[in-house]
Amino acid sequence: MVRLNCKDYGYDCQFVAQGEDISQVIEKFGKHTLDEHGIEYSKEGLMQFILRQ
């Protein structure tokens, strides 16, 4: 399972995107960070977050 926790990336936020499909998790997390924090990450950048876990 792939999991991205907003708090793990410096945000005071409890949002978690998780699932079996990496592309769906990246899409959910990217949408959240743009909508809630005003920061747009590239899909490649989010993939690096996942690979570093």
N, C-alpha and C. Protein backbone atom coordinates (compact mmCIF):
# COMPACT_ATOMS: atom_id res chain seq x y z
N MET A 1 0.84 -1.18 0.00
CA MET A 1 0.00 0.00 0.00
C MET A 1 0.89 1.25 0.00
N VAL A 2 0.48 2.22 -0.77
CA VAL A 2 1.18 3.50 -0.86
C VAL A 2 0.47 4.48 0.05
N ARG A 3 1.26 5.27 0.79
CA ARG A 3 0.67 6.21 1.74
C ARG A 3 1.49 7.49 1.78
N LEU A 4 0.83 8.64 1.64
CA LEU A 4 1.47 9.94 1.80
C LEU A 4 0.74 10.70 2.90
N ASN A 5 1.47 11.06 3.94
CA ASN A 5 0.93 11.82 5.06
C ASN A 5 1.37 13.27 4.93
N CYS A 6 0.43 14.17 4.96
CA CYS A 6 0.74 15.59 4.81
C CYS A 6 1.72 16.06 5.90
N LYS A 7 1.53 15.59 7.11
CA LYS A 7 2.39 16.02 8.22
C LYS A 7 3.84 15.58 8.05
N ASP A 8 4.07 14.53 7.27
CA ASP A 8 5.43 14.06 7.02
C ASP A 8 6.22 15.00 6.11
N TYR A 9 5.53 15.94 5.48
CA TYR A 9 6.17 16.85 4.54
C TYR A 9 6.12 18.29 5.01
N GLY A 10 6.01 18.46 6.34
CA GLY A 10 6.14 19.79 6.93
C GLY A 10 4.86 20.56 7.13
N TYR A 11 3.72 19.94 6.88
CA TYR A 11 2.45 20.63 7.06
C TYR A 11 1.82 20.26 8.40
N ASP A 12 1.16 21.22 9.02
CA ASP A 12 0.40 20.96 10.24
C ASP A 12 -1.00 20.53 9.78
N CYS A 13 -1.09 19.29 9.30
CA CYS A 13 -2.28 18.81 8.62
C CYS A 13 -2.37 17.30 8.80
N GLN A 14 -3.56 16.80 9.01
CA GLN A 14 -3.75 15.37 9.24
C GLN A 14 -4.15 14.59 7.99
N PHE A 15 -4.12 15.23 6.82
CA PHE A 15 -4.54 14.56 5.58
C PHE A 15 -3.61 13.39 5.25
N VAL A 16 -4.22 12.29 4.82
CA VAL A 16 -3.48 11.10 4.38
C VAL A 16 -4.09 10.62 3.07
N ALA A 17 -3.24 10.42 2.07
CA ALA A 17 -3.66 9.80 0.81
C ALA A 17 -3.05 8.42 0.80
N GLN A 18 -3.89 7.40 0.60
CA GLN A 18 -3.36 6.04 0.59
C GLN A 18 -4.16 5.17 -0.37
N GLY A 19 -3.53 4.11 -0.80
CA GLY A 19 -4.19 3.16 -1.69
C GLY A 19 -3.18 2.25 -2.35
N GLU A 20 -3.69 1.36 -3.17
CA GLU A 20 -2.84 0.41 -3.88
C GLU A 20 -2.31 0.99 -5.19
N ASP A 21 -3.04 1.91 -5.78
CA ASP A 21 -2.68 2.50 -7.07
C ASP A 21 -1.86 3.78 -6.84
N ILE A 22 -0.57 3.72 -7.18
CA ILE A 22 0.33 4.85 -6.96
C ILE A 22 -0.17 6.11 -7.64
N SER A 23 -0.64 5.99 -8.86
CA SER A 23 -1.08 7.19 -9.58
C SER A 23 -2.28 7.84 -8.92
N GLN A 24 -3.19 7.06 -8.34
CA GLN A 24 -4.34 7.63 -7.64
C GLN A 24 -3.91 8.34 -6.36
N VAL A 25 -2.97 7.76 -5.65
CA VAL A 25 -2.47 8.38 -4.42
C VAL A 25 -1.77 9.70 -4.75
N ILE A 26 -0.96 9.70 -5.79
CA ILE A 26 -0.28 10.92 -6.21
C ILE A 26 -1.30 11.99 -6.60
N GLU A 27 -2.33 11.59 -7.32
CA GLU A 27 -3.36 12.55 -7.74
C GLU A 27 -4.10 13.14 -6.54
N LYS A 28 -4.48 12.29 -5.58
CA LYS A 28 -5.19 12.76 -4.38
C LYS A 28 -4.32 13.71 -3.56
N PHE A 29 -3.07 13.31 -3.35
CA PHE A 29 -2.18 14.13 -2.53
C PHE A 29 -1.87 15.45 -3.23
N GLY A 30 -1.62 15.40 -4.53
CA GLY A 30 -1.34 16.61 -5.29
C GLY A 30 -2.52 17.57 -5.29
N LYS A 31 -3.73 17.05 -5.43
CA LYS A 31 -4.92 17.90 -5.39
C LYS A 31 -5.07 18.53 -4.01
N HIS A 32 -4.86 17.74 -2.97
CA HIS A 32 -4.96 18.25 -1.61
C HIS A 32 -3.96 19.37 -1.35
N THR A 33 -2.70 19.15 -1.69
CA THR A 33 -1.69 20.18 -1.40
C THR A 33 -1.94 21.46 -2.19
N LEU A 34 -2.45 21.34 -3.40
CA LEU A 34 -2.77 22.53 -4.18
C LEU A 34 -3.99 23.25 -3.60
N ASP A 35 -5.05 22.51 -3.33
CA ASP A 35 -6.29 23.11 -2.83
C ASP A 35 -6.15 23.68 -1.41
N GLU A 36 -5.48 22.94 -0.54
CA GLU A 36 -5.43 23.32 0.88
C GLU A 36 -4.20 24.15 1.26
N HIS A 37 -3.08 23.92 0.58
CA HIS A 37 -1.84 24.58 0.98
C HIS A 37 -1.29 25.52 -0.09
N GLY A 38 -1.91 25.52 -1.27
CA GLY A 38 -1.49 26.41 -2.34
C GLY A 38 -0.17 26.05 -2.98
N ILE A 39 0.24 24.79 -2.85
CA ILE A 39 1.51 24.34 -3.42
C ILE A 39 1.23 23.24 -4.42
N GLU A 40 1.76 23.43 -5.62
CA GLU A 40 1.57 22.43 -6.67
C GLU A 40 2.85 21.63 -6.86
N TYR A 41 2.74 20.33 -6.65
CA TYR A 41 3.87 19.42 -6.86
C TYR A 41 3.69 18.72 -8.20
N SER A 42 4.78 18.48 -8.90
CA SER A 42 4.71 17.69 -10.13
C SER A 42 4.50 16.23 -9.75
N LYS A 43 3.99 15.46 -10.69
CA LYS A 43 3.82 14.02 -10.44
C LYS A 43 5.16 13.36 -10.17
N GLU A 44 6.19 13.84 -10.86
CA GLU A 44 7.54 13.29 -10.66
C GLU A 44 8.04 13.60 -9.25
N GLY A 45 7.77 14.80 -8.77
CA GLY A 45 8.17 15.18 -7.41
C GLY A 45 7.47 14.34 -6.37
N LEU A 46 6.19 14.09 -6.57
CA LEU A 46 5.44 13.25 -5.62
C LEU A 46 5.92 11.81 -5.68
N MET A 47 6.31 11.35 -6.85
CA MET A 47 6.86 9.99 -6.96
C MET A 47 8.15 9.89 -6.15
N GLN A 48 8.95 10.94 -6.14
CA GLN A 48 10.17 10.95 -5.33
C GLN A 48 9.84 10.85 -3.85
N PHE A 49 8.77 11.52 -3.41
CA PHE A 49 8.32 11.40 -2.01
C PHE A 49 8.06 9.93 -1.68
N ILE A 50 7.37 9.25 -2.57
CA ILE A 50 7.02 7.84 -2.34
C ILE A 50 8.27 6.97 -2.32
N LEU A 51 9.17 7.20 -3.25
CA LEU A 51 10.38 6.37 -3.33
C LEU A 51 11.30 6.56 -2.13
N ARG A 52 11.25 7.71 -1.49
CA ARG A 52 12.11 7.98 -0.33
C ARG A 52 11.58 7.34 0.95
N GLN A 53 10.37 6.83 0.92
CA GLN A 53 9.79 6.24 2.14
C GLN A 53 10.45 4.96 2.52
